[in-house]
Amino acid sequence: MKRFTGFVLKEFRHIFRDRRSLFILFGMPVAQIMLFGFAITNEINNVDLAILDRSKDDTTKEIINKIAASEYFSIEQFLDSESEIAPVFRKGKVKAVLYFEPDFGKKLIQPGRAKIQVVTDATDPNVASTVSNYIASILQSYQQETRRVVEPEYQVVSEVRMLYNPELKSVYMFVPGVMTVILMLVSAMMTSISITREKEQGTMEILLVSPLKPLQVILGKVFPYVFLSITNAVVIVVLSIFVFGVPVNGSLFLLALESILFIVTSLALGILISTISATQQTAMMVSLMGLMLPVILLSGFIFPISSMPLPLQLISHIVPAKWFIVIVKGIMLKGVGFAYLWKETLILAGMTLFFIGLSAKKYKIRLE
């Protein structure tokens, strides 16, 4: 036990002496959570519009004023003809053009139908779709406020309730995903270079002749990063709550336990990468390129897994980040307990044992 403790303390000292490792462990996560939390959003604000008003009556002025008063849009310029639409889009600043047909106000009263054409810049389909939906919502609101037709005696009215995120804040979706990406990449990347560093520095021979067993060497390499990654997780959760206002509706204790489990899973995967990599550069490239794309694309962080082709849905099952995102959203947003998350927890635990066992086997093979 004393030998193992000394080995762990040696790893701690090595980490704290390496300023680059400290920056990766503590500087990058804070910078990433702040950057991604503020920058990654599917909401729109102050989108520039252009107006082509062929009617120029009181009705169109009211609609334009209502749109301009919204926090979502700002009127960039007014156009005089259809030929100006294409050039204004080529400049790249205007994202949509509202085209009011001639005699808009008169046609709205008699025969009760007038047309507004919404032309959007679809080079970014998500923004174009969101802009058109927001404009349609504002126009519908205007129509409900000003319509003069008699209400029918009977109506079917739908009432929508948004559970867990009533204000539809995109940060509620992205912060748990960013937390997962940071813990996975930082933990796996740091541990992936641990054993390969020993080889490159010529200290592997000392480990090979030491009385420590392969499993003890692996655990000794993992333990310091477990402690440091837990510190990272605490910082990320604190920033999520106090900077971005993401609630924790469930148990903080359960969130802590699940985070520790995921950290150990990530560290074990990093150790596995390090045992099969010949150099630190190779280990870092494998951990970055081999984990970053699956974690971002196949974990449900940005794109819903249910919308993917079946082969990709099946592949996503072996991505640990997918199961941790389900856990984090369940605890933080839905407030559910272990009774609803036991399956995801068992999957992560099984992956952890598999990675650690395979790492020990690979290390043992090299000893022989």
Protein backbone atom coordinates (compact mmCIF):
# COMPACT_ATOMS: atom_id res chain seq x y z
CA MET A 1 0.00 0.00 0.00
CA LYS A 2 2.88 2.39 0.79
CA ARG A 3 4.36 1.76 -2.65
CA PHE A 4 1.03 2.51 -4.30
CA THR A 5 0.59 5.71 -2.25
CA GLY A 6 4.09 6.85 -3.17
CA PHE A 7 3.35 6.19 -6.83
CA VAL A 8 0.16 8.28 -6.65
CA LEU A 9 1.97 11.14 -4.89
CA LYS A 10 4.63 11.05 -7.61
CA GLU A 11 1.91 11.48 -10.24
CA PHE A 12 0.44 14.45 -8.35
CA ARG A 13 3.85 16.14 -8.15
CA HIS A 14 4.47 15.56 -11.84
CA ILE A 15 1.12 17.13 -12.79
CA PHE A 16 1.59 20.22 -10.61
CA ARG A 17 5.11 20.78 -11.99
CA ASP A 18 3.80 20.79 -15.56
CA ARG A 19 2.19 24.17 -16.24
CA ARG A 20 0.80 23.03 -19.58
CA SER A 21 -1.05 20.18 -17.90
CA LEU A 22 -2.46 22.55 -15.28
CA PHE A 23 -3.66 24.90 -18.01
CA ILE A 24 -5.36 22.07 -19.89
CA LEU A 25 -6.93 20.74 -16.69
CA PHE A 26 -8.24 24.01 -15.26
CA GLY A 27 -7.93 26.79 -17.84
CA MET A 28 -9.49 25.11 -20.85
CA PRO A 29 -12.67 23.83 -19.12
CA VAL A 30 -13.53 27.26 -17.71
CA ALA A 31 -12.85 28.96 -21.05
CA GLN A 32 -14.86 26.36 -22.95
CA ILE A 33 -17.90 26.40 -20.67
CA MET A 34 -18.01 30.21 -20.87
CA LEU A 35 -17.47 30.28 -24.63
CA PHE A 36 -19.86 27.49 -25.54
CA GLY A 37 -22.46 28.55 -23.00
CA PHE A 38 -22.73 32.03 -24.50
CA ALA A 39 -21.88 31.30 -28.14
CA ILE A 40 -23.80 28.09 -28.86
CA THR A 41 -27.45 28.99 -29.10
CA ASN A 42 -30.39 28.31 -31.41
CA GLU A 43 -32.11 31.54 -30.40
CA ILE A 44 -32.04 34.67 -32.54
CA ASN A 45 -31.71 38.30 -31.46
CA ASN A 46 -31.42 41.54 -33.43
CA VAL A 47 -31.60 39.83 -36.81
CA ASP A 48 -31.37 42.42 -39.60
CA LEU A 49 -34.38 42.68 -41.89
CA ALA A 50 -35.10 44.61 -45.06
CA ILE A 51 -38.58 45.89 -45.95
CA LEU A 52 -40.08 46.16 -49.42
CA ASP A 53 -43.39 47.96 -48.86
CA ARG A 54 -45.37 48.39 -52.07
CA SER A 55 -48.44 49.56 -50.17
CA LYS A 56 -47.11 52.09 -47.62
CA ASP A 57 -50.44 52.44 -45.82
CA ASP A 58 -51.25 52.60 -42.12
CA THR A 59 -51.63 48.83 -41.84
CA THR A 60 -48.18 48.02 -43.17
CA LYS A 61 -46.68 50.75 -40.97
CA GLU A 62 -48.30 49.16 -37.89
CA ILE A 63 -46.93 45.73 -38.80
CA ILE A 64 -43.45 47.11 -39.48
CA ASN A 65 -43.46 48.98 -36.16
CA LYS A 66 -44.56 45.84 -34.33
CA ILE A 67 -41.73 43.84 -35.88
CA ALA A 68 -39.19 46.58 -35.19
CA ALA A 69 -40.30 46.74 -31.54
CA SER A 70 -39.48 43.05 -31.13
CA GLU A 71 -36.15 42.15 -29.55
CA TYR A 72 -35.67 39.55 -32.27
CA PHE A 73 -35.43 41.88 -35.26
CA SER A 74 -34.05 45.23 -36.34
CA ILE A 75 -34.91 47.01 -39.58
CA GLU A 76 -31.71 47.41 -41.56
CA GLN A 77 -33.07 49.17 -44.67
CA PHE A 78 -36.11 49.80 -46.87
CA LEU A 79 -36.09 48.65 -50.48
CA ASP A 80 -37.76 50.27 -53.48
CA SER A 81 -38.02 47.36 -55.93
CA GLU A 82 -37.72 43.60 -56.28
CA SER A 83 -34.40 43.97 -58.08
CA GLU A 84 -32.79 45.13 -54.82
CA ILE A 85 -33.55 41.89 -52.93
CA ALA A 86 -30.75 39.76 -54.40
CA PRO A 87 -28.01 42.41 -53.95
CA VAL A 88 -28.97 43.03 -50.33
CA PHE A 89 -28.67 39.29 -49.57
CA ARG A 90 -25.28 39.13 -51.29
CA LYS A 91 -23.90 41.63 -48.78
CA GLY A 92 -24.58 39.04 -46.08
CA LYS A 93 -25.95 41.25 -43.31
CA VAL A 94 -29.69 41.06 -44.02
CA LYS A 95 -31.18 37.64 -43.24
CA ALA A 96 -34.76 38.22 -44.43
CA VAL A 97 -36.86 40.56 -46.58
CA LEU A 98 -40.55 41.32 -45.95
CA TYR A 99 -42.42 42.07 -49.17
CA PHE A 100 -45.84 43.74 -48.74
CA GLU A 101 -48.02 43.58 -51.85
CA PRO A 102 -49.69 46.75 -53.24
CA ASP A 103 -52.93 47.87 -51.52
CA PHE A 104 -52.19 45.64 -48.56
CA GLY A 105 -54.50 47.43 -46.13
CA LYS A 106 -57.46 47.51 -48.51
CA LYS A 107 -57.12 43.83 -49.38
CA LEU A 108 -56.90 42.93 -45.70
CA ILE A 109 -60.34 44.51 -45.16
CA GLN A 110 -61.96 43.49 -48.44
CA PRO A 111 -61.86 40.62 -49.42
CA GLY A 112 -60.18 39.94 -46.06
CA ARG A 113 -56.96 38.51 -47.43
CA ALA A 114 -53.59 40.18 -48.03
CA LYS A 115 -50.18 38.71 -48.75
CA ILE A 116 -46.78 39.22 -47.16
CA GLN A 117 -43.89 37.38 -48.75
CA VAL A 118 -41.03 36.47 -46.40
CA VAL A 119 -37.80 35.93 -48.34
CA THR A 120 -35.01 34.44 -46.19
CA ASP A 121 -31.32 33.71 -46.65
CA ALA A 122 -31.28 29.90 -46.48
CA THR A 123 -27.50 29.50 -46.59
CA ASP A 124 -28.06 28.78 -42.89
CA PRO A 125 -31.26 26.68 -42.91
CA ASN A 126 -31.72 26.73 -39.13
CA VAL A 127 -31.59 30.53 -38.93
CA ALA A 128 -33.87 30.87 -41.97
CA SER A 129 -36.46 28.53 -40.45
CA THR A 130 -36.30 30.24 -37.07
CA VAL A 131 -36.62 33.72 -38.60
CA SER A 132 -39.64 32.73 -40.69
CA ASN A 133 -41.33 31.14 -37.66
CA TYR A 134 -40.74 34.23 -35.51
CA ILE A 135 -42.12 36.54 -38.20
CA ALA A 136 -45.17 34.30 -38.68
CA SER A 137 -45.78 34.40 -34.93
CA ILE A 138 -45.62 38.23 -34.84
CA LEU A 139 -48.00 38.49 -37.80
CA GLN A 140 -50.42 36.07 -36.19
CA SER A 141 -50.33 38.12 -32.99
CA TYR A 142 -51.06 41.30 -34.96
CA GLN A 143 -53.95 39.65 -36.72
CA GLN A 144 -55.49 38.48 -33.45
CA GLU A 145 -55.24 41.97 -31.99
CA THR A 146 -56.81 43.79 -34.93
CA ARG A 147 -59.19 41.40 -36.66
CA ARG A 148 -62.70 42.67 -37.07
CA VAL A 149 -64.47 39.44 -37.94
CA VAL A 150 -67.03 38.00 -35.54
CA GLU A 151 -65.72 35.21 -33.36
CA PRO A 152 -67.45 31.86 -33.97
CA GLU A 153 -69.63 30.57 -31.19
CA TYR A 154 -67.49 27.48 -30.66
CA GLN A 155 -63.70 27.31 -30.82
CA VAL A 156 -61.02 24.72 -30.29
CA VAL A 157 -58.12 26.39 -28.47
CA SER A 158 -54.85 24.56 -27.88
CA GLU A 159 -52.85 25.41 -24.78
CA VAL A 160 -49.14 24.57 -24.89
CA ARG A 161 -47.04 23.94 -21.78
CA MET A 162 -43.26 23.63 -22.02
CA LEU A 163 -42.10 21.38 -19.20
CA TYR A 164 -38.59 21.67 -17.69
CA ASN A 165 -37.68 24.64 -19.92
CA PRO A 166 -40.71 26.95 -20.22
CA GLU A 167 -38.69 29.85 -21.65
CA LEU A 168 -37.09 27.58 -24.27
CA LYS A 169 -33.58 28.69 -23.31
CA SER A 170 -31.06 26.91 -25.50
CA VAL A 171 -28.45 27.14 -22.73
CA TYR A 172 -30.48 24.52 -20.80
CA MET A 173 -29.75 22.07 -23.61
CA PHE A 174 -26.17 23.03 -24.38
CA VAL A 175 -24.63 23.36 -20.90
CA PRO A 176 -25.14 19.67 -19.96
CA GLY A 177 -23.69 18.71 -23.34
CA VAL A 178 -20.72 21.04 -22.98
CA MET A 179 -20.10 19.68 -19.48
CA THR A 180 -20.01 16.17 -20.93
CA VAL A 181 -17.68 17.12 -23.79
CA ILE A 182 -15.24 18.91 -21.47
CA LEU A 183 -15.05 16.09 -18.92
CA MET A 184 -14.66 13.46 -21.62
CA LEU A 185 -12.03 15.21 -23.72
CA VAL A 186 -9.95 16.67 -20.90
CA SER A 187 -9.97 13.49 -18.81
CA ALA A 188 -9.27 11.15 -21.71
CA MET A 189 -6.66 13.41 -23.28
CA MET A 190 -4.68 13.91 -20.06
CA THR A 191 -4.59 10.23 -19.17
CA SER A 192 -3.92 9.10 -22.74
CA ILE A 193 -0.45 10.62 -22.60
CA SER A 194 0.41 9.33 -19.11
CA ILE A 195 1.94 5.93 -19.96
CA THR A 196 3.31 7.08 -23.33
CA ARG A 197 5.11 9.91 -21.49
CA GLU A 198 6.85 7.29 -19.34
CA LYS A 199 8.04 5.52 -22.49
CA GLU A 200 9.34 8.67 -24.18
CA GLN A 201 11.14 9.88 -21.05
CA GLY A 202 12.78 6.50 -20.53
CA THR A 203 11.12 5.84 -17.16
CA MET A 204 9.03 2.92 -18.38
CA GLU A 205 11.82 0.51 -17.50
CA ILE A 206 11.53 1.57 -13.86
CA LEU A 207 7.82 0.71 -13.89
CA LEU A 208 8.53 -2.59 -15.63
CA VAL A 209 10.89 -3.76 -12.86
CA SER A 210 8.86 -2.25 -9.99
CA PRO A 211 6.90 -4.54 -7.66
CA LEU A 212 3.68 -2.77 -8.64
CA LYS A 213 1.16 -4.90 -10.49
CA PRO A 214 -0.25 -3.69 -13.83
CA LEU A 215 -3.63 -2.85 -12.26
CA GLN A 216 -1.90 -0.83 -9.53
CA VAL A 217 0.06 1.13 -12.13
CA ILE A 218 -3.13 1.88 -14.05
CA LEU A 219 -5.04 2.92 -10.91
CA GLY A 220 -2.10 5.02 -9.78
CA LYS A 221 -2.13 6.83 -13.11
CA VAL A 222 -5.89 7.37 -12.98
CA PHE A 223 -6.34 8.47 -9.35
CA PRO A 224 -4.76 11.98 -9.57
CA TYR A 225 -6.83 12.80 -12.61
CA VAL A 226 -9.98 11.60 -10.86
CA PHE A 227 -9.38 14.15 -8.11
CA LEU A 228 -8.55 16.95 -10.54
CA SER A 229 -11.47 16.14 -12.87
CA ILE A 230 -13.89 16.19 -9.93
CA THR A 231 -12.64 19.70 -9.19
CA ASN A 232 -13.34 20.56 -12.82
CA ALA A 233 -16.85 19.14 -12.59
CA VAL A 234 -17.59 21.25 -9.49
CA VAL A 235 -16.39 24.40 -11.26
CA ILE A 236 -18.52 23.61 -14.31
CA VAL A 237 -21.68 23.02 -12.25
CA VAL A 238 -21.12 26.22 -10.25
CA LEU A 239 -20.70 28.23 -13.46
CA SER A 240 -23.79 26.59 -14.95
CA ILE A 241 -25.92 27.53 -11.95
CA PHE A 242 -24.68 31.04 -11.17
CA VAL A 243 -23.63 32.30 -14.62
CA PHE A 244 -26.12 30.64 -16.96
CA GLY A 245 -28.97 30.05 -14.52
CA VAL A 246 -29.31 26.35 -15.31
CA PRO A 247 -31.28 24.77 -12.45
CA VAL A 248 -30.44 21.60 -10.58
CA ASN A 249 -33.91 20.24 -9.86
CA GLY A 250 -32.64 16.85 -8.71
CA SER A 251 -30.18 15.64 -6.11
CA LEU A 252 -26.77 17.28 -6.10
CA PHE A 253 -25.39 14.21 -4.37
CA LEU A 254 -26.64 11.95 -7.16
CA LEU A 255 -25.26 14.35 -9.76
CA ALA A 256 -21.87 14.21 -8.01
CA LEU A 257 -21.85 10.40 -7.95
CA GLU A 258 -22.85 10.13 -11.60
CA SER A 259 -20.22 12.72 -12.57
CA ILE A 260 -17.53 10.74 -10.72
CA LEU A 261 -18.62 7.58 -12.54
CA PHE A 262 -18.41 9.31 -15.92
CA ILE A 263 -15.02 10.82 -15.05
CA VAL A 264 -13.67 7.38 -14.17
CA THR A 265 -15.09 6.04 -17.45
CA SER A 266 -13.35 8.80 -19.40
CA LEU A 267 -10.07 8.31 -17.54
CA ALA A 268 -10.19 4.57 -18.11
CA LEU A 269 -10.74 5.16 -21.83
CA GLY A 270 -7.77 7.53 -21.84
CA ILE A 271 -5.58 4.90 -20.14
CA LEU A 272 -6.64 2.37 -22.77
CA ILE A 273 -5.58 4.75 -25.52
CA SER A 274 -2.24 5.32 -23.80
CA THR A 275 -1.49 1.60 -23.55
CA ILE A 276 -1.90 1.12 -27.31
CA SER A 277 -0.14 4.33 -28.41
CA ALA A 278 3.59 4.50 -29.03
CA THR A 279 4.08 8.27 -28.56
CA GLN A 280 2.44 11.14 -26.70
CA GLN A 281 1.58 12.81 -29.99
CA THR A 282 -0.18 9.70 -31.25
CA ALA A 283 -2.08 9.31 -27.99
CA MET A 284 -3.20 12.94 -28.04
CA MET A 285 -4.32 12.77 -31.67
CA VAL A 286 -6.27 9.58 -31.06
CA SER A 287 -7.94 11.03 -27.97
CA LEU A 288 -8.83 14.29 -29.70
CA MET A 289 -9.84 13.09 -33.16
CA GLY A 290 -11.14 9.69 -32.12
CA LEU A 291 -13.32 11.03 -29.31
CA MET A 292 -14.26 14.59 -30.29
CA LEU A 293 -16.39 13.78 -33.35
CA PRO A 294 -18.33 10.88 -31.76
CA VAL A 295 -18.89 12.87 -28.55
CA ILE A 296 -20.20 15.92 -30.40
CA LEU A 297 -22.10 14.23 -33.23
CA LEU A 298 -23.32 10.91 -31.78
CA SER A 299 -24.10 11.78 -28.16
CA GLY A 300 -27.24 13.83 -28.72
CA PHE A 301 -25.36 16.94 -27.62
CA ILE A 302 -26.37 18.97 -30.69
CA PHE A 303 -28.33 16.68 -33.00
CA PRO A 304 -31.17 14.38 -31.85
CA ILE A 305 -30.17 10.74 -32.14
CA SER A 306 -33.69 9.71 -33.16
CA SER A 307 -33.30 11.72 -36.39
CA MET A 308 -30.15 9.84 -37.42
CA PRO A 309 -30.02 6.78 -39.70
CA LEU A 310 -30.35 3.45 -37.90
CA PRO A 311 -26.65 2.47 -38.24
CA LEU A 312 -25.59 5.71 -36.54
CA GLN A 313 -28.21 5.20 -33.81
CA LEU A 314 -26.69 1.79 -33.10
CA ILE A 315 -23.14 3.20 -33.06
CA SER A 316 -24.23 5.92 -30.61
CA HIS A 317 -24.93 3.22 -28.00
CA ILE A 318 -21.18 2.67 -27.52
CA VAL A 319 -20.48 6.39 -26.94
CA PRO A 320 -20.30 6.94 -23.15
CA ALA A 321 -21.16 10.62 -23.50
CA LYS A 322 -24.62 9.74 -24.80
CA TRP A 323 -25.60 8.06 -21.55
CA PHE A 324 -24.10 10.77 -19.35
CA ILE A 325 -26.00 13.52 -21.19
CA VAL A 326 -29.23 11.62 -20.49
CA ILE A 327 -28.25 11.41 -16.82
CA VAL A 328 -27.28 15.09 -16.48
CA LYS A 329 -30.44 16.35 -18.18
CA GLY A 330 -32.55 13.99 -16.09
CA ILE A 331 -31.07 15.22 -12.79
CA MET A 332 -30.60 18.93 -13.58
CA LEU A 333 -33.69 19.67 -15.66
CA LYS A 334 -36.24 16.95 -14.88
CA GLY A 335 -35.29 16.36 -11.24
CA VAL A 336 -35.51 12.57 -11.54
CA GLY A 337 -33.74 10.14 -9.24
CA PHE A 338 -31.76 6.95 -9.57
CA ALA A 339 -34.95 4.92 -10.14
CA TYR A 340 -35.20 6.51 -13.61
CA LEU A 341 -31.47 6.50 -14.40
CA TRP A 342 -30.31 3.07 -13.23
CA LYS A 343 -30.02 1.68 -16.78
CA GLU A 344 -27.72 4.48 -17.98
CA THR A 345 -25.69 4.18 -14.77
CA LEU A 346 -25.18 0.44 -15.24
CA ILE A 347 -24.10 0.98 -18.84
CA LEU A 348 -21.45 3.51 -17.79
CA ALA A 349 -20.28 1.22 -14.99
CA GLY A 350 -20.00 -1.67 -17.43
CA MET A 351 -18.00 0.45 -19.88
CA THR A 352 -15.67 1.51 -17.08
CA LEU A 353 -14.92 -2.08 -16.06
CA PHE A 354 -14.39 -3.05 -19.68
CA PHE A 355 -11.93 -0.23 -20.36
CA ILE A 356 -9.97 -0.84 -17.14
CA GLY A 357 -9.84 -4.61 -17.73
CA LEU A 358 -8.71 -4.22 -21.33
CA SER A 359 -6.09 -1.66 -20.29
CA ALA A 360 -4.68 -4.05 -17.68
CA LYS A 361 -4.60 -6.85 -20.24
CA LYS A 362 -2.81 -4.71 -22.83
CA TYR A 363 -0.31 -3.56 -20.23
CA LYS A 364 0.28 -7.14 -19.09
CA ILE A 365 0.90 -8.28 -22.65
CA ARG A 366 3.59 -5.64 -22.99
CA LEU A 367 5.21 -6.90 -19.80
CA GLU A 368 5.53 -10.32 -21.37
